[in-house]
């Protein structure tokens, strides 16, 4: 999965949000994502991160995405 593919998927789940994707190792399997979205309003930080992880469920299960560091923020 490429950084662009990850960003496109996040943009589908979180329209009108600020999204950044970083390949931490250059191997396209260790990622850091930042999502600032109004969708997170009313969610705990854990719920926000679970919500983002759900976007990549199949890839996390197969190991295509081996590591995913998540940073979230509620967009005001």
C-alpha atoms as a PDB file:
ATOM      1  CA  UNK A   1       0.000   0.000   0.000  1.00  0.00           C
ATOM      2  CA  UNK A   2       1.401   3.381  -0.988  1.00  0.00           C
ATOM      3  CA  UNK A   3       1.146   6.647   0.902  1.00  0.00           C
ATOM      4  CA  UNK A   4      -1.219   7.955  -1.783  1.00  0.00           C
ATOM      5  CA  UNK A   5      -3.491   4.912  -1.443  1.00  0.00           C
ATOM      6  CA  UNK A   6      -3.592   5.356   2.319  1.00  0.00           C
ATOM      7  CA  UNK A   7      -4.387   9.047   1.994  1.00  0.00           C
ATOM      8  CA  UNK A   8      -7.152   8.367  -0.555  1.00  0.00           C
ATOM      9  CA  UNK A   9      -8.762   5.806   1.743  1.00  0.00           C
ATOM     10  CA  UNK A  10      -8.635   8.179   4.703  1.00  0.00           C
ATOM     11  CA  UNK A  11     -10.086  10.998   2.583  1.00  0.00           C
ATOM     12  CA  UNK A  12     -13.057   8.749   1.719  1.00  0.00           C
ATOM     13  CA  UNK A  13     -13.710   8.007   5.398  1.00  0.00           C
ATOM     14  CA  UNK A  14     -12.994  11.544   6.593  1.00  0.00           C
ATOM     15  CA  UNK A  15     -14.101  14.043   3.932  1.00  0.00           C
ATOM     16  CA  UNK A  16     -13.165  17.690   4.462  1.00  0.00           C
ATOM     17  CA  UNK A  17     -10.474  16.707   6.937  1.00  0.00           C
ATOM     18  CA  UNK A  18      -6.795  17.420   7.278  1.00  0.00           C
ATOM     19  CA  UNK A  19      -4.869  14.219   6.536  1.00  0.00           C
ATOM     20  CA  UNK A  20      -1.155  13.503   6.458  1.00  0.00           C
ATOM     21  CA  UNK A  21       0.526  10.152   5.799  1.00  0.00           C
ATOM     22  CA  UNK A  22       4.189   9.358   6.478  1.00  0.00           C
ATOM     23  CA  UNK A  23       6.133   6.232   5.494  1.00  0.00           C
ATOM     24  CA  UNK A  24       8.338   5.793   8.564  1.00  0.00           C
ATOM     25  CA  UNK A  25      10.839   3.301   7.139  1.00  0.00           C
ATOM     26  CA  UNK A  26      10.607   3.598   3.346  1.00  0.00           C
ATOM     27  CA  UNK A  27       9.285   0.032   3.142  1.00  0.00           C
ATOM     28  CA  UNK A  28       5.580   0.943   2.770  1.00  0.00           C
ATOM     29  CA  UNK A  29       4.528  -1.135   5.761  1.00  0.00           C
ATOM     30  CA  UNK A  30       5.322   1.138   8.757  1.00  0.00           C
ATOM     31  CA  UNK A  31       3.122   4.225   8.723  1.00  0.00           C
ATOM     32  CA  UNK A  32       2.201   7.268  10.711  1.00  0.00           C
ATOM     33  CA  UNK A  33      -1.074   9.020   9.924  1.00  0.00           C
ATOM     34  CA  UNK A  34      -2.508  12.284  11.186  1.00  0.00           C
ATOM     35  CA  UNK A  35      -6.241  12.897  10.833  1.00  0.00           C
ATOM     36  CA  UNK A  36      -7.997  16.080  11.965  1.00  0.00           C
ATOM     37  CA  UNK A  37     -11.740  15.619  11.516  1.00  0.00           C
ATOM     38  CA  UNK A  38     -15.122  16.702  12.832  1.00  0.00           C
ATOM     39  CA  UNK A  39     -16.081  12.990  12.770  1.00  0.00           C
ATOM     40  CA  UNK A  40     -14.143  12.563  16.017  1.00  0.00           C
ATOM     41  CA  UNK A  41     -16.379  14.928  18.012  1.00  0.00           C
ATOM     42  CA  UNK A  42     -17.725  13.084  21.048  1.00  0.00           C
ATOM     43  CA  UNK A  43     -15.252  10.202  20.712  1.00  0.00           C
ATOM     44  CA  UNK A  44     -12.535   9.317  23.187  1.00  0.00           C
ATOM     45  CA  UNK A  45      -8.970   9.218  21.896  1.00  0.00           C
ATOM     46  CA  UNK A  46      -9.121   5.404  21.903  1.00  0.00           C
ATOM     47  CA  UNK A  47     -12.348   5.460  19.870  1.00  0.00           C
ATOM     48  CA  UNK A  48     -10.772   7.887  17.403  1.00  0.00           C
ATOM     49  CA  UNK A  49      -7.772   5.607  16.916  1.00  0.00           C
ATOM     50  CA  UNK A  50      -9.962   2.507  16.606  1.00  0.00           C
ATOM     51  CA  UNK A  51     -12.005   4.336  13.986  1.00  0.00           C
ATOM     52  CA  UNK A  52      -8.872   5.068  11.939  1.00  0.00           C
ATOM     53  CA  UNK A  53      -7.527   1.523  12.379  1.00  0.00           C
ATOM     54  CA  UNK A  54     -10.798   0.131  11.026  1.00  0.00           C
ATOM     55  CA  UNK A  55     -10.036   1.842   7.699  1.00  0.00           C
ATOM     56  CA  UNK A  56      -7.076  -0.516   7.280  1.00  0.00           C
ATOM     57  CA  UNK A  57      -8.467  -3.683   8.877  1.00  0.00           C
ATOM     58  CA  UNK A  58      -7.720  -6.063   5.973  1.00  0.00           C
ATOM     59  CA  UNK A  59      -4.196  -4.695   5.479  1.00  0.00           C
ATOM     60  CA  UNK A  60      -3.422  -4.913   9.208  1.00  0.00           C
ATOM     61  CA  UNK A  61      -4.610  -8.528   9.274  1.00  0.00           C
ATOM     62  CA  UNK A  62      -2.473  -9.581   6.299  1.00  0.00           C
ATOM     63  CA  UNK A  63       0.574  -7.607   7.410  1.00  0.00           C
ATOM     64  CA  UNK A  64       0.575  -5.365   4.350  1.00  0.00           C
ATOM     65  CA  UNK A  65       0.369  -2.594   6.950  1.00  0.00           C
ATOM     66  CA  UNK A  66       2.633  -3.914   9.681  1.00  0.00           C
ATOM     67  CA  UNK A  67       2.725  -0.861  11.968  1.00  0.00           C
ATOM     68  CA  UNK A  68       0.358   2.083  12.144  1.00  0.00           C
ATOM     69  CA  UNK A  69       1.013   5.063  14.392  1.00  0.00           C
ATOM     70  CA  UNK A  70      -2.069   7.266  14.660  1.00  0.00           C
ATOM     71  CA  UNK A  71      -2.450  10.887  15.666  1.00  0.00           C
ATOM     72  CA  UNK A  72      -5.944  12.387  15.711  1.00  0.00           C
ATOM     73  CA  UNK A  73      -7.458  15.757  16.455  1.00  0.00           C
ATOM     74  CA  UNK A  74     -11.036  16.991  16.570  1.00  0.00           C
ATOM     75  CA  UNK A  75     -11.487  19.623  13.881  1.00  0.00           C
ATOM     76  CA  UNK A  76     -13.263  22.702  15.165  1.00  0.00           C
END
